[in-house]
């Protein structure tokens, strides 16, 4: 438990100190007029109170990521804490802050537009890659809550799952088309409060129970095999498994949504940097809870021999929090993915609209863009339902593509910083995380069975090798730019 509490403290200190460093490097200007004010259209560009923007941003980027990812990552042992802390502060929060603030500086630009403006010739490729990811997110976050609701209401029968999937998809259509303040702006803060209340309740239970979970000083060795997970090394598997609780490319597709609602640049640090740190804290809480579940008898206490991530959430919530816990479990495991799924598809609509310069002030124009988006989701959903392993296939590719998006955006931040500070060191705040995540993604692509399937033992030299490749590319770019200036 001491390792857990130390990790929480370091995250908070990271926000207070490193957050200010990052804000100063960017150069937030409270006097600058934001797109929410200068480009207000009543649909996507809508000024909202900062507390509400923070709550929506937190819920948009969270989903089930800091819960399910942390539960699966906890099986690796206390090294999971280390990744959540270092990843959140030095990679995820930097990534999220710049994705929101660069969007503000570029008129509320979406992820592909931001990258395309800094890395010439990449706009179409990034648009395609990002849109496919967002469609996968939408599909996963239709199907996973539908499975849970179908299990609760109809014993998991395929018909009930299909009905719930159609209901959720119908909600997505409405939420994607409506102005952001009409539905998302009103109900999302409530869901965010419920998710935070659930996490705080779990933390209080942890402090009262004080379980004997593994500590840093017990060793950072891979403990996954002891809980039945075989063939997964800490590198790169942990860094793909725990994404939303540390660094996630999906966040860069969501931050521009809130960048269009922010009234002052100085609120960027508490909203974009702060929401990522909050997500890291939630992930740490669930990692600690799961460590008790896997390593200190929690599974036997709950009467289970094995459990998936949703089952861990439900079992622990019921056992520790009773009836209230059951309600919170449903909110956390069902509402969270739904509220990330609809904003993912809203992001897909805006990506396409911005690329083709289609204004979204009229409902017909929004519908025109949304029809192919939802057709794509329906196709992937059909694949999910008709193929018994369809969900697992989409989830694995989602995990890899999600972190690949993070590499793209960290690289974009690096390019922007090199141009802003031609002789400075500031580019390292994103350059180092970009090199590391490039190494993670390429190594995972090489060893994962759904990709190249090379021997896992090769990761010992693949990781440093890919990192060296990325570092050389970075050095060449920096040197060339400095010579030209």
Protein backbone atom coordinates (compact mmCIF):
# COMPACT_ATOMS: atom_id res chain seq x y z
CA UNK A 1 0.00 0.00 0.00
CA UNK A 2 2.92 2.36 0.60
CA UNK A 3 3.93 2.09 -3.07
CA UNK A 4 0.36 2.97 -4.05
CA UNK A 5 0.26 6.05 -1.78
CA UNK A 6 3.70 7.20 -2.95
CA UNK A 7 2.49 6.88 -6.55
CA UNK A 8 -0.60 9.01 -5.84
CA UNK A 9 1.58 11.69 -4.22
CA UNK A 10 4.03 11.73 -7.14
CA UNK A 11 1.17 12.19 -9.63
CA UNK A 12 -0.15 15.20 -7.71
CA UNK A 13 3.35 16.71 -7.41
CA UNK A 14 3.84 16.05 -11.13
CA UNK A 15 0.75 18.12 -11.92
CA UNK A 16 1.80 20.98 -9.65
CA UNK A 17 5.42 21.19 -10.86
CA UNK A 18 5.79 19.57 -14.29
CA UNK A 19 2.39 20.86 -15.38
CA UNK A 20 3.63 24.42 -14.90
CA UNK A 21 6.83 23.64 -16.81
CA UNK A 22 4.83 22.30 -19.77
CA UNK A 23 2.43 25.27 -19.66
CA UNK A 24 5.35 27.72 -19.67
CA UNK A 25 7.01 25.93 -22.61
CA UNK A 26 3.79 26.12 -24.61
CA UNK A 27 3.20 29.76 -23.68
CA UNK A 28 -0.45 29.87 -22.65
CA UNK A 29 -1.83 33.39 -23.07
CA UNK A 30 -4.93 34.36 -21.02
CA UNK A 31 -5.45 37.45 -23.19
CA UNK A 32 -5.78 35.48 -26.43
CA UNK A 33 -9.34 35.00 -27.71
CA UNK A 34 -10.19 31.30 -28.01
CA UNK A 35 -12.17 29.66 -30.87
CA UNK A 36 -15.06 29.02 -28.46
CA UNK A 37 -15.61 32.78 -28.48
CA UNK A 38 -14.36 33.90 -31.90
CA UNK A 39 -15.90 30.99 -33.87
CA UNK A 40 -19.01 30.30 -31.81
CA UNK A 41 -21.63 28.41 -33.86
CA UNK A 42 -23.93 26.96 -31.19
CA UNK A 43 -23.16 23.37 -32.25
CA UNK A 44 -19.49 22.44 -31.71
CA UNK A 45 -17.98 25.83 -30.82
CA UNK A 46 -19.80 26.60 -27.57
CA UNK A 47 -18.23 28.36 -24.55
CA UNK A 48 -18.91 26.37 -21.37
CA UNK A 49 -17.93 26.74 -17.69
CA UNK A 50 -14.42 25.45 -17.03
CA UNK A 51 -15.53 22.91 -14.39
CA UNK A 52 -17.96 21.41 -16.89
CA UNK A 53 -15.32 21.28 -19.64
CA UNK A 54 -12.98 19.50 -17.20
CA UNK A 55 -15.62 16.91 -16.27
CA UNK A 56 -16.50 16.22 -19.92
CA UNK A 57 -12.82 16.01 -20.90
CA UNK A 58 -12.16 13.54 -18.07
CA UNK A 59 -15.10 11.34 -19.05
CA UNK A 60 -14.29 11.55 -22.77
CA UNK A 61 -10.72 10.34 -22.33
CA UNK A 62 -11.47 7.86 -19.55
CA UNK A 63 -14.17 5.45 -20.69
CA UNK A 64 -13.27 2.06 -19.25
CA UNK A 65 -9.57 2.55 -20.03
CA UNK A 66 -8.28 3.48 -16.55
CA UNK A 67 -10.43 0.69 -15.08
CA UNK A 68 -10.07 -2.30 -17.41
CA UNK A 69 -6.55 -1.42 -18.54
CA UNK A 70 -5.35 -1.01 -14.94
CA UNK A 71 -6.99 -4.29 -13.90
CA UNK A 72 -5.24 -6.18 -16.69
CA UNK A 73 -1.99 -4.28 -16.11
CA UNK A 74 -2.00 -5.05 -12.37
CA UNK A 75 -1.27 -8.69 -13.22
CA UNK A 76 2.28 -7.61 -14.13
CA UNK A 77 2.88 -6.45 -10.53
CA UNK A 78 4.01 -3.09 -9.08
CA UNK A 79 5.72 -2.18 -12.35
CA UNK A 80 2.18 -1.22 -13.39
CA UNK A 81 2.22 1.61 -10.81
CA UNK A 82 5.51 2.86 -12.17
CA UNK A 83 4.22 3.00 -15.75
CA UNK A 84 0.99 4.74 -14.74
CA UNK A 85 2.89 7.44 -12.80
CA UNK A 86 5.72 8.08 -15.26
CA UNK A 87 3.49 7.59 -18.29
CA UNK A 88 0.79 9.97 -17.04
CA UNK A 89 3.17 12.78 -16.08
CA UNK A 90 5.82 12.68 -18.80
CA UNK A 91 3.87 11.28 -21.77
CA UNK A 92 0.09 11.27 -21.35
CA UNK A 93 -0.38 14.69 -19.75
CA UNK A 94 2.07 16.35 -22.17
CA UNK A 95 0.29 14.64 -25.08
CA UNK A 96 -3.17 15.68 -23.87
CA UNK A 97 -2.21 19.25 -22.97
CA UNK A 98 -0.65 19.96 -26.35
CA UNK A 99 -3.46 18.23 -28.28
CA UNK A 100 -5.94 20.59 -26.66
CA UNK A 101 -3.83 23.74 -26.76
CA UNK A 102 -2.58 23.30 -30.33
CA UNK A 103 -6.20 22.79 -31.36
CA UNK A 104 -7.08 26.11 -29.71
CA UNK A 105 -4.18 27.87 -31.45
CA UNK A 106 -5.26 26.39 -34.79
CA UNK A 107 -8.92 27.43 -34.59
CA UNK A 108 -10.28 24.27 -32.96
CA UNK A 109 -8.52 22.00 -35.47
CA UNK A 110 -9.02 18.24 -35.20
CA UNK A 111 -6.26 15.65 -34.76
CA UNK A 112 -5.59 15.08 -38.51
CA UNK A 113 -5.63 18.81 -39.24
CA UNK A 114 -3.12 19.57 -36.47
CA UNK A 115 -0.71 16.88 -37.66
CA UNK A 116 -1.20 17.84 -41.31
CA UNK A 117 -0.34 21.47 -40.55
CA UNK A 118 2.99 20.49 -38.97
CA UNK A 119 3.98 17.41 -41.01
CA UNK A 120 3.27 18.12 -44.66
CA UNK A 121 1.72 15.42 -46.81
CA UNK A 122 0.39 13.44 -43.85
CA UNK A 123 -3.15 14.81 -43.61
CA UNK A 124 -4.99 12.20 -45.73
CA UNK A 125 -3.14 9.23 -44.21
CA UNK A 126 -3.74 10.47 -40.67
CA UNK A 127 -7.41 11.18 -41.44
CA UNK A 128 -7.89 7.60 -42.64
CA UNK A 129 -5.97 6.08 -39.73
CA UNK A 130 -7.73 8.23 -37.12
CA UNK A 131 -11.21 7.67 -38.53
CA UNK A 132 -10.71 3.89 -38.57
CA UNK A 133 -9.57 4.03 -34.92
CA UNK A 134 -12.59 6.11 -33.91
CA UNK A 135 -14.91 3.68 -35.69
CA UNK A 136 -13.27 0.82 -33.77
CA UNK A 137 -13.71 2.74 -30.51
CA UNK A 138 -17.36 3.35 -31.33
CA UNK A 139 -17.89 -0.33 -32.15
CA UNK A 140 -16.12 -1.62 -29.02
CA UNK A 141 -18.09 0.82 -26.89
CA UNK A 142 -21.38 -0.28 -28.42
CA UNK A 143 -20.72 -3.98 -28.02
CA UNK A 144 -19.07 -4.16 -24.56
CA UNK A 145 -21.84 -2.33 -22.62
CA UNK A 146 -24.45 -4.20 -24.69
CA UNK A 147 -22.96 -7.49 -23.47
CA UNK A 148 -23.16 -6.36 -19.84
CA UNK A 149 -26.69 -4.96 -20.15
CA UNK A 150 -27.78 -8.08 -22.04
CA UNK A 151 -26.38 -10.22 -19.23
CA UNK A 152 -28.20 -8.18 -16.58
CA UNK A 153 -31.55 -7.96 -18.38
CA UNK A 154 -31.65 -11.16 -20.42
CA UNK A 155 -29.09 -13.69 -19.18
CA UNK A 156 -26.75 -12.77 -22.02
CA UNK A 157 -28.94 -14.09 -24.83
CA UNK A 158 -27.84 -12.94 -28.32
CA UNK A 159 -31.22 -11.32 -28.95
CA UNK A 160 -30.99 -9.17 -25.83
CA UNK A 161 -27.40 -8.19 -26.65
CA UNK A 162 -28.47 -7.17 -30.16
CA UNK A 163 -31.39 -5.12 -28.82
CA UNK A 164 -29.12 -3.26 -26.39
CA UNK A 165 -26.54 -2.71 -29.13
CA UNK A 166 -29.19 -1.11 -31.34
CA UNK A 167 -30.42 1.07 -28.45
CA UNK A 168 -26.87 2.28 -27.71
CA UNK A 169 -26.21 2.88 -31.41
CA UNK A 170 -29.41 4.93 -31.58
CA UNK A 171 -28.21 7.05 -28.67
CA UNK A 172 -24.86 7.55 -30.44
CA UNK A 173 -26.63 8.90 -33.51
CA UNK A 174 -28.53 11.45 -31.41
CA UNK A 175 -25.47 12.50 -29.37
CA UNK A 176 -23.30 12.84 -32.49
CA UNK A 177 -25.78 15.14 -34.23
CA UNK A 178 -26.98 17.35 -31.36
CA UNK A 179 -25.14 20.54 -30.30
CA UNK A 180 -22.52 19.67 -27.70
CA UNK A 181 -24.15 21.64 -24.87
CA UNK A 182 -27.62 20.11 -25.32
CA UNK A 183 -26.89 16.53 -24.25
CA UNK A 184 -23.18 15.98 -23.61
CA UNK A 185 -22.80 19.25 -21.72
CA UNK A 186 -25.72 18.43 -19.42
CA UNK A 187 -25.39 14.76 -18.47
CA UNK A 188 -21.66 14.00 -18.81
CA UNK A 189 -20.59 15.96 -15.71
CA UNK A 190 -22.98 13.79 -13.68
CA UNK A 191 -21.48 10.59 -15.06
CA UNK A 192 -17.98 11.95 -14.40
CA UNK A 193 -18.92 12.68 -10.78
CA UNK A 194 -20.26 9.12 -10.43
CA UNK A 195 -17.03 7.67 -11.86
CA UNK A 196 -14.90 9.79 -9.51
CA UNK A 197 -17.12 8.91 -6.54
CA UNK A 198 -16.68 5.23 -7.37
CA UNK A 199 -12.88 5.63 -7.46
CA UNK A 200 -12.76 7.61 -4.19
CA UNK A 201 -14.99 5.02 -2.50
CA UNK A 202 -12.62 2.27 -3.62
CA UNK A 203 -9.64 4.21 -2.29
CA UNK A 204 -11.30 4.65 1.11
CA UNK A 205 -12.00 0.91 1.24
CA UNK A 206 -8.36 0.22 0.36
CA UNK A 207 -7.13 2.48 3.18
CA UNK A 208 -9.48 0.83 5.68
CA UNK A 209 -8.67 -2.71 4.56
CA UNK A 210 -4.92 -2.02 4.00
CA UNK A 211 -4.26 -5.22 2.00
CA UNK A 212 -0.80 -6.79 1.73
CA UNK A 213 -0.30 -6.09 -1.96
CA UNK A 214 3.15 -6.20 -3.67
CA UNK A 215 5.41 -3.17 -3.12
CA UNK A 216 8.16 -1.64 -5.28
CA UNK A 217 10.82 -3.01 -2.91
CA UNK A 218 9.44 -6.54 -3.37
CA UNK A 219 10.76 -6.34 -6.93
CA UNK A 220 9.50 -5.14 -10.31
CA UNK A 221 9.65 -8.59 -11.89
CA UNK A 222 6.86 -9.84 -14.15
CA UNK A 223 4.16 -11.46 -11.98
CA UNK A 224 1.69 -12.16 -14.79
CA UNK A 225 2.46 -15.88 -15.00
CA UNK A 226 1.48 -16.34 -11.33
CA UNK A 227 -2.10 -15.32 -12.18
CA UNK A 228 -2.37 -17.38 -15.35
CA UNK A 229 -1.18 -14.87 -17.95
CA UNK A 230 1.62 -16.48 -19.95
CA UNK A 231 3.73 -15.35 -22.88
CA UNK A 232 3.52 -11.61 -22.12
CA UNK A 233 6.63 -9.64 -21.22
CA UNK A 234 6.40 -6.37 -19.31
CA UNK A 235 7.94 -4.76 -22.39
CA UNK A 236 6.06 -4.15 -24.61
CA UNK A 237 2.80 -5.74 -23.37
CA UNK A 238 2.26 -3.64 -20.22
CA UNK A 239 2.64 -0.41 -22.21
CA UNK A 240 -0.04 -1.47 -24.69
CA UNK A 241 -2.37 -2.92 -22.03
CA UNK A 242 -2.35 0.19 -19.81
CA UNK A 243 -3.01 2.96 -22.32
CA UNK A 244 -5.71 5.36 -21.13
CA UNK A 245 -4.23 5.33 -17.61
CA UNK A 246 -0.80 6.43 -18.88
CA UNK A 247 -0.74 7.67 -22.50
CA UNK A 248 -3.33 7.15 -25.22
CA UNK A 249 -3.56 8.46 -28.77
CA UNK A 250 -7.35 8.38 -28.51
CA UNK A 251 -7.15 11.36 -26.15
CA UNK A 252 -5.77 13.57 -28.92
CA UNK A 253 -8.95 12.94 -30.90
CA UNK A 254 -11.06 14.07 -27.93
CA UNK A 255 -9.19 17.13 -26.66
CA UNK A 256 -10.15 19.24 -29.73
CA UNK A 257 -13.82 18.72 -28.81
CA UNK A 258 -13.22 20.55 -25.53
CA UNK A 259 -10.76 22.99 -27.11
CA UNK A 260 -13.80 24.39 -28.94
CA UNK A 261 -15.51 25.04 -25.58
CA UNK A 262 -12.66 26.57 -23.56
CA UNK A 263 -12.96 30.29 -22.81
CA UNK A 264 -9.39 30.95 -21.57
CA UNK A 265 -6.03 29.40 -22.47
CA UNK A 266 -4.92 29.47 -18.82
CA UNK A 267 -7.53 26.80 -18.08
CA UNK A 268 -5.71 24.40 -20.40
CA UNK A 269 -3.46 23.07 -17.64
CA UNK A 270 -6.20 22.09 -15.16
CA UNK A 271 -8.43 20.76 -17.93
CA UNK A 272 -6.12 18.91 -20.35
CA UNK A 273 -3.09 18.19 -18.14
CA UNK A 274 -5.26 17.84 -15.03
CA UNK A 275 -7.80 15.44 -16.55
CA UNK A 276 -4.96 13.09 -17.56
CA UNK A 277 -3.48 13.18 -14.05
CA UNK A 278 -6.96 12.49 -12.64
CA UNK A 279 -7.26 9.53 -14.97
CA UNK A 280 -3.86 8.31 -13.77
CA UNK A 281 -5.08 8.46 -10.16
CA UNK A 282 -8.20 6.46 -11.07
CA UNK A 283 -6.00 3.91 -12.85
CA UNK A 284 -3.73 3.64 -9.78
CA UNK A 285 -6.72 3.01 -7.52
CA UNK A 286 -7.98 0.20 -9.73
CA UNK A 287 -4.48 -1.24 -10.10
CA UNK A 288 -4.19 -1.39 -6.30
CA UNK A 289 -7.68 -2.90 -5.95
CA UNK A 290 -6.80 -5.49 -8.59
CA UNK A 291 -3.48 -6.29 -6.89
CA UNK A 292 -5.48 -7.20 -3.79
CA UNK A 293 -7.82 -9.25 -5.98
CA UNK A 294 -5.01 -11.17 -7.73
CA UNK A 295 -2.23 -11.33 -5.11
CA UNK A 296 -3.79 -11.05 -1.62
CA UNK A 297 -6.77 -13.38 -1.60
CA UNK A 298 -9.37 -11.00 -2.97
CA UNK A 299 -10.48 -13.45 -5.63
CA UNK A 300 -11.21 -16.17 -3.06
CA UNK A 301 -12.89 -13.63 -0.77
CA UNK A 302 -15.30 -12.76 -3.59
CA UNK A 303 -15.90 -16.46 -4.32
CA UNK A 304 -14.29 -16.49 -7.77
CA UNK A 305 -11.66 -18.77 -9.29
CA UNK A 306 -10.97 -16.51 -12.27
CA UNK A 307 -12.41 -13.26 -13.55
CA UNK A 308 -12.39 -10.88 -16.50
CA UNK A 309 -11.93 -7.14 -15.96
CA UNK A 310 -15.70 -6.38 -15.86
CA UNK A 311 -16.20 -9.24 -13.39
CA UNK A 312 -13.47 -7.83 -11.13
CA UNK A 313 -15.22 -4.44 -11.10
CA UNK A 314 -18.62 -5.95 -10.34
CA UNK A 315 -17.36 -8.42 -7.71
CA UNK A 316 -15.26 -5.89 -5.79
CA UNK A 317 -17.96 -3.21 -5.98
CA UNK A 318 -20.65 -5.54 -4.64
CA UNK A 319 -18.37 -6.98 -1.95
CA UNK A 320 -17.03 -3.66 -0.68
CA UNK A 321 -19.86 -1.21 -1.40
CA UNK A 322 -23.02 -3.34 -1.34
CA UNK A 323 -26.09 -2.20 -3.26
CA UNK A 324 -24.62 1.25 -3.87
CA UNK A 325 -21.55 -0.46 -5.28
CA UNK A 326 -23.66 -2.45 -7.73
CA UNK A 327 -25.23 0.75 -9.03
CA UNK A 328 -21.84 2.43 -9.32
CA UNK A 329 -20.43 -0.63 -11.08
CA UNK A 330 -23.13 -0.34 -13.73
CA UNK A 331 -22.42 3.39 -14.10
CA UNK A 332 -18.68 2.83 -14.31
CA UNK A 333 -18.66 -0.16 -16.61
CA UNK A 334 -21.63 0.74 -18.81
CA UNK A 335 -21.98 4.53 -18.85
CA UNK A 336 -18.23 5.20 -19.15
CA UNK A 337 -17.71 3.35 -22.45
CA UNK A 338 -20.96 4.71 -23.86
CA UNK A 339 -19.91 8.29 -23.11
CA UNK A 340 -16.54 7.71 -24.80
CA UNK A 341 -18.11 5.94 -27.76
CA UNK A 342 -20.43 8.76 -28.74
CA UNK A 343 -17.72 11.42 -28.51
CA UNK A 344 -15.44 9.15 -30.56
CA UNK A 345 -18.02 9.17 -33.36
CA UNK A 346 -18.56 12.90 -32.91
CA UNK A 347 -14.81 13.25 -33.38
CA UNK A 348 -14.98 11.15 -36.56
CA UNK A 349 -17.69 13.45 -37.91
CA UNK A 350 -15.62 16.54 -37.19
CA UNK A 351 -12.46 14.99 -38.67
CA UNK A 352 -14.21 14.32 -41.97
CA UNK A 353 -16.04 17.67 -41.97
CA UNK A 354 -12.83 19.63 -41.36
CA UNK A 355 -10.96 17.74 -44.07
CA UNK A 356 -13.64 18.47 -46.68
CA UNK A 357 -14.36 21.96 -45.27
CA UNK A 358 -18.04 21.19 -44.63
CA UNK A 359 -19.55 23.55 -42.05
CA UNK A 360 -21.53 21.76 -39.35
CA UNK A 361 -24.00 24.48 -38.42
CA UNK A 362 -26.96 22.80 -40.19
CA UNK A 363 -28.41 19.44 -39.16
CA UNK A 364 -28.50 18.25 -42.79
CA UNK A 365 -24.75 18.81 -43.17
CA UNK A 366 -24.05 16.95 -39.92
CA UNK A 367 -26.28 14.09 -41.06
CA UNK A 368 -24.56 13.94 -44.46
CA UNK A 369 -21.18 13.34 -42.76
CA UNK A 370 -22.59 11.03 -40.07
CA UNK A 371 -24.31 8.50 -42.36
CA UNK A 372 -21.06 6.91 -43.66
CA UNK A 373 -19.61 7.02 -40.12
CA UNK A 374 -22.49 5.00 -38.70
CA UNK A 375 -22.50 2.69 -41.70
CA UNK A 376 -18.88 1.84 -40.84
CA UNK A 377 -19.79 1.20 -37.20
CA UNK A 378 -22.71 -1.01 -38.25
CA UNK A 379 -20.37 -3.06 -40.46
CA UNK A 380 -17.82 -3.54 -37.66
CA UNK A 381 -20.63 -4.34 -35.23
CA UNK A 382 -21.91 -7.04 -37.57
CA UNK A 383 -18.38 -8.49 -37.67
CA UNK A 384 -18.29 -8.41 -33.86
CA UNK A 385 -21.56 -10.26 -33.47
CA UNK A 386 -21.15 -12.77 -36.31
CA UNK A 387 -17.55 -13.74 -35.42
CA UNK A 388 -17.13 -15.31 -31.97
CA UNK A 389 -13.59 -13.91 -31.71
CA UNK A 390 -14.47 -10.65 -33.46
CA UNK A 391 -14.40 -8.51 -30.31
CA UNK A 392 -10.96 -9.78 -29.26
CA UNK A 393 -9.57 -9.16 -32.76
CA UNK A 394 -10.86 -5.59 -32.90
CA UNK A 395 -9.70 -4.90 -29.33
CA UNK A 396 -6.12 -6.03 -30.03
CA UNK A 397 -5.84 -3.91 -33.16
CA UNK A 398 -7.46 -1.02 -31.31
CA UNK A 399 -4.77 -1.24 -28.59
CA UNK A 400 -1.90 -1.11 -31.08
CA UNK A 401 -3.42 1.59 -33.31
CA UNK A 402 -4.30 3.66 -30.24
CA UNK A 403 -0.68 3.82 -29.09
CA UNK A 404 0.46 4.40 -32.67
CA UNK A 405 -1.73 7.52 -32.73
CA UNK A 406 0.06 8.65 -29.56
CA UNK A 407 3.40 8.29 -31.37
CA UNK A 408 2.10 10.40 -34.29
CA UNK A 409 0.96 13.20 -32.02
CA UNK A 410 4.02 13.18 -29.76
CA UNK A 411 6.10 13.47 -32.95
CA UNK A 412 3.92 16.40 -34.06
CA UNK A 413 4.43 18.17 -30.73
CA UNK A 414 8.17 17.63 -31.13
CA UNK A 415 8.16 19.20 -34.61
CA UNK A 416 6.19 22.20 -33.28
CA UNK A 417 8.59 22.67 -30.37
CA UNK A 418 11.69 22.39 -32.58
CA UNK A 419 10.26 25.18 -34.75
CA UNK A 420 9.25 27.29 -31.75
CA UNK A 421 12.63 26.85 -30.01
CA UNK A 422 15.15 26.24 -32.84
CA UNK A 423 18.13 26.23 -30.44
CA UNK A 424 16.38 24.97 -27.32
CA UNK A 425 15.99 21.69 -25.44
CA UNK A 426 12.23 21.99 -25.05
CA UNK A 427 11.48 19.45 -27.81
CA UNK A 428 12.73 16.72 -25.46
CA UNK A 429 9.53 16.85 -23.35
CA UNK A 430 7.71 15.15 -26.22
CA UNK A 431 10.66 13.78 -28.19
CA UNK A 432 11.74 11.31 -25.49
CA UNK A 433 8.20 9.91 -24.97
CA UNK A 434 7.79 9.69 -28.77
CA UNK A 435 10.98 7.62 -29.09
CA UNK A 436 9.90 5.31 -26.26
CA UNK A 437 6.36 4.78 -27.56
CA UNK A 438 7.66 4.18 -31.10
CA UNK A 439 9.82 1.41 -29.64
CA UNK A 440 6.82 -0.03 -27.76
CA UNK A 441 4.54 -0.06 -30.82
CA UNK A 442 7.09 -1.50 -33.24
CA UNK A 443 8.19 -4.19 -30.79
CA UNK A 444 4.59 -5.16 -30.04
CA UNK A 445 3.82 -5.30 -33.77
CA UNK A 446 6.77 -7.66 -34.24
CA UNK A 447 5.94 -10.09 -31.40
CA UNK A 448 2.14 -10.06 -31.15
CA UNK A 449 0.52 -13.20 -32.55
CA UNK A 450 -2.05 -11.21 -34.55
CA UNK A 451 0.78 -9.30 -36.26
CA UNK A 452 4.21 -10.76 -37.13
CA UNK A 453 4.31 -13.22 -34.23
CA UNK A 454 8.08 -13.23 -33.74
CA UNK A 455 9.49 -14.83 -30.55
CA UNK A 456 8.77 -12.81 -27.39
CA UNK A 457 12.37 -13.40 -26.27
CA UNK A 458 13.54 -11.07 -29.05
CA UNK A 459 12.08 -8.05 -27.23
CA UNK A 460 15.36 -7.76 -25.27
CA UNK A 461 17.11 -6.38 -28.37
CA UNK A 462 14.11 -5.23 -30.40
CA UNK A 463 13.15 -2.55 -27.87
CA UNK A 464 16.54 -0.81 -27.77
CA UNK A 465 16.91 -1.31 -31.52
CA UNK A 466 13.66 0.44 -32.43
CA UNK A 467 14.36 3.17 -29.86
CA UNK A 468 17.74 3.77 -31.52
CA UNK A 469 16.06 4.06 -34.94
CA UNK A 470 13.59 6.65 -33.63
CA UNK A 471 16.32 8.56 -31.80
CA UNK A 472 18.45 8.78 -34.96
CA UNK A 473 15.46 10.11 -36.95
CA UNK A 474 14.83 12.71 -34.24
CA UNK A 475 18.47 13.83 -34.14
CA UNK A 476 18.64 14.14 -37.94
CA UNK A 477 15.47 16.29 -37.99
CA UNK A 478 16.71 18.57 -35.20
CA UNK A 479 20.17 18.99 -36.75
CA UNK A 480 18.73 19.75 -40.21
CA UNK A 481 16.31 22.30 -38.80
CA UNK A 482 19.02 24.05 -36.79
CA UNK A 483 21.32 24.23 -39.79
CA UNK A 484 18.57 25.82 -41.86
CA UNK A 485 18.02 28.43 -39.14
